[in-house]
Amino acid sequence: MIGPFEFESGGRKYSCTIEKRTTPPTGVWWWFATSDDQQRYAPFEAAEKDTQRSVKDRIVKFYEARLARLAMPEEPRKHWGGRPPKAVAAAKEAEQEEMGDLD
């Protein structure tokens, strides 16, 4: 199994290590940190067949996908009142039936 290593990609410096996770899912995982992010990540388990190249490719792909998701505009959450008309009608009907049971 390969040991810790560092590399640069896209203007970022990545530091990679293999460490045991103490929380589920347990096992031996690849951890990495980047020069422009205070968070560390453990995106996948370490395997005997790992090479620096394969780990590098997976880490860069993971991190770039993460940055792309973060850059996407946030989808507005709908208030309960924004439910489709059928759902509103069904909710009102259920409420009326419930109220009728109380009489």
Foldseek 3Di string as FASTA:
>chain_A
DDAWDWDDDPRKIKTWGWDFDPDPVTDIFIWMDIPVDPDIDGDGHDDPPDDPVVVVVVVVVVVVVVVVVVPDDDDDDDDPVPDPPVVVVVVVVVVVVVVVVVD
